[in-house]
N, C-alpha and C. Protein backbone atom coordinates (compact mmCIF):
# COMPACT_ATOMS: atom_id res chain seq x y z
N UNK A 1 8.04 -31.59 -6.98
CA UNK A 1 8.80 -30.86 -8.01
C UNK A 1 9.26 -31.85 -9.09
N UNK A 2 9.12 -31.51 -10.30
CA UNK A 2 9.58 -32.39 -11.41
C UNK A 2 11.03 -32.21 -11.70
N UNK A 3 11.51 -32.93 -12.66
CA UNK A 3 12.94 -32.78 -13.03
C UNK A 3 13.13 -31.62 -13.96
N UNK A 4 14.40 -31.17 -14.09
CA UNK A 4 14.83 -30.07 -14.94
C UNK A 4 14.19 -28.76 -14.56
N UNK A 5 13.93 -28.60 -13.24
CA UNK A 5 13.39 -27.33 -12.72
C UNK A 5 14.57 -26.53 -12.17
N UNK A 6 14.57 -25.23 -12.44
CA UNK A 6 15.62 -24.34 -11.96
C UNK A 6 15.01 -23.39 -10.95
N UNK A 7 15.58 -23.33 -9.78
CA UNK A 7 15.09 -22.48 -8.72
C UNK A 7 16.20 -21.53 -8.31
N UNK A 8 15.97 -20.25 -8.38
CA UNK A 8 16.96 -19.20 -8.04
C UNK A 8 17.10 -19.08 -6.52
N UNK A 9 18.14 -18.35 -6.14
CA UNK A 9 18.51 -18.20 -4.73
C UNK A 9 17.42 -17.40 -4.01
N UNK A 10 17.23 -17.67 -2.75
CA UNK A 10 16.32 -17.02 -1.85
C UNK A 10 14.86 -17.10 -2.28
N UNK A 11 14.54 -18.15 -3.08
CA UNK A 11 13.17 -18.42 -3.44
C UNK A 11 12.50 -19.25 -2.34
N UNK A 12 11.15 -19.12 -2.16
CA UNK A 12 10.46 -19.85 -1.17
C UNK A 12 9.38 -20.70 -1.87
N UNK A 13 9.33 -21.96 -1.65
CA UNK A 13 8.42 -22.85 -2.28
C UNK A 13 7.42 -23.33 -1.22
N UNK A 14 6.12 -23.05 -1.38
CA UNK A 14 5.16 -23.41 -0.41
C UNK A 14 4.86 -24.97 -0.33
N UNK A 15 4.14 -25.35 0.70
CA UNK A 15 3.78 -26.76 0.93
C UNK A 15 2.89 -27.23 -0.19
N UNK A 16 3.09 -28.44 -0.65
CA UNK A 16 2.25 -29.08 -1.67
C UNK A 16 2.23 -28.34 -3.01
N UNK A 17 3.17 -27.41 -3.23
CA UNK A 17 3.25 -26.74 -4.56
C UNK A 17 3.69 -27.74 -5.59
N UNK A 18 3.16 -27.64 -6.76
CA UNK A 18 3.55 -28.54 -7.88
C UNK A 18 4.21 -27.74 -8.94
N UNK A 19 5.49 -28.03 -9.16
CA UNK A 19 6.27 -27.36 -10.23
C UNK A 19 6.58 -28.35 -11.32
N UNK A 20 6.07 -28.11 -12.52
CA UNK A 20 6.18 -29.09 -13.62
C UNK A 20 7.49 -28.98 -14.32
N UNK A 21 7.73 -29.90 -15.23
CA UNK A 21 8.98 -30.10 -15.96
C UNK A 21 9.44 -28.81 -16.57
N UNK A 22 10.71 -28.47 -16.40
CA UNK A 22 11.35 -27.36 -17.11
C UNK A 22 11.03 -26.02 -16.66
N UNK A 23 10.28 -25.89 -15.56
CA UNK A 23 9.93 -24.50 -15.04
C UNK A 23 11.16 -23.82 -14.53
N UNK A 24 11.13 -22.48 -14.62
CA UNK A 24 12.26 -21.69 -14.14
C UNK A 24 11.70 -20.69 -13.11
N UNK A 25 12.19 -20.76 -11.89
CA UNK A 25 11.76 -19.90 -10.83
C UNK A 25 12.87 -18.94 -10.56
N UNK A 26 12.65 -17.60 -10.87
CA UNK A 26 13.68 -16.58 -10.70
C UNK A 26 14.03 -16.40 -9.24
N UNK A 27 15.16 -15.79 -8.98
CA UNK A 27 15.55 -15.60 -7.57
C UNK A 27 14.55 -14.65 -6.86
N UNK A 28 14.45 -14.86 -5.57
CA UNK A 28 13.55 -14.08 -4.70
C UNK A 28 12.10 -14.27 -5.06
N UNK A 29 11.72 -15.47 -5.55
CA UNK A 29 10.31 -15.72 -5.89
C UNK A 29 9.63 -16.40 -4.75
N UNK A 30 8.33 -16.20 -4.60
CA UNK A 30 7.54 -16.85 -3.59
C UNK A 30 6.46 -17.67 -4.32
N UNK A 31 6.47 -19.00 -4.12
CA UNK A 31 5.45 -19.91 -4.67
C UNK A 31 4.57 -20.27 -3.51
N UNK A 32 3.28 -19.97 -3.61
CA UNK A 32 2.28 -20.23 -2.50
C UNK A 32 2.02 -21.71 -2.30
N UNK A 33 1.47 -21.99 -1.17
CA UNK A 33 1.01 -23.35 -0.87
C UNK A 33 0.01 -23.80 -1.95
N UNK A 34 0.12 -25.06 -2.41
CA UNK A 34 -0.82 -25.66 -3.43
C UNK A 34 -0.77 -24.98 -4.75
N UNK A 35 0.15 -24.13 -5.06
CA UNK A 35 0.23 -23.44 -6.34
C UNK A 35 0.74 -24.43 -7.40
N UNK A 36 0.29 -24.29 -8.64
CA UNK A 36 0.72 -25.15 -9.71
C UNK A 36 1.43 -24.24 -10.75
N UNK A 37 2.66 -24.66 -11.05
CA UNK A 37 3.45 -23.99 -12.09
C UNK A 37 3.54 -24.94 -13.25
N UNK A 38 3.12 -24.47 -14.44
CA UNK A 38 3.00 -25.27 -15.62
C UNK A 38 4.33 -25.62 -16.25
N UNK A 39 4.31 -26.56 -17.20
CA UNK A 39 5.50 -26.98 -17.93
C UNK A 39 6.17 -25.73 -18.65
N UNK A 40 7.44 -25.54 -18.36
CA UNK A 40 8.21 -24.49 -18.99
C UNK A 40 7.88 -23.13 -18.53
N UNK A 41 7.02 -22.94 -17.54
CA UNK A 41 6.63 -21.60 -17.11
C UNK A 41 7.83 -20.88 -16.46
N UNK A 42 7.91 -19.59 -16.62
CA UNK A 42 8.93 -18.76 -16.02
C UNK A 42 8.23 -17.84 -15.01
N UNK A 43 8.66 -17.92 -13.76
CA UNK A 43 8.11 -17.17 -12.64
C UNK A 43 9.10 -16.06 -12.29
N UNK A 44 8.70 -14.81 -12.47
CA UNK A 44 9.58 -13.66 -12.12
C UNK A 44 9.52 -13.43 -10.63
N UNK A 45 10.70 -13.11 -10.05
CA UNK A 45 10.83 -12.77 -8.63
C UNK A 45 10.96 -11.28 -8.39
N UNK A 46 11.08 -10.93 -7.13
CA UNK A 46 11.34 -9.47 -6.77
C UNK A 46 12.89 -9.36 -6.78
N UNK A 47 13.44 -8.80 -7.86
CA UNK A 47 14.88 -8.66 -7.91
C UNK A 47 15.36 -7.39 -7.31
């Protein structure tokens, strides 16, 4: 995981997932194993 990443409560980050600079992971999000999240990407969770 890079710096300046925001991860919401109850989110699950898989093994070897790569989350790039400034990404925002919404609460209740699931990031799969080996998934790549790009610079500044916003991932919506199940709210």
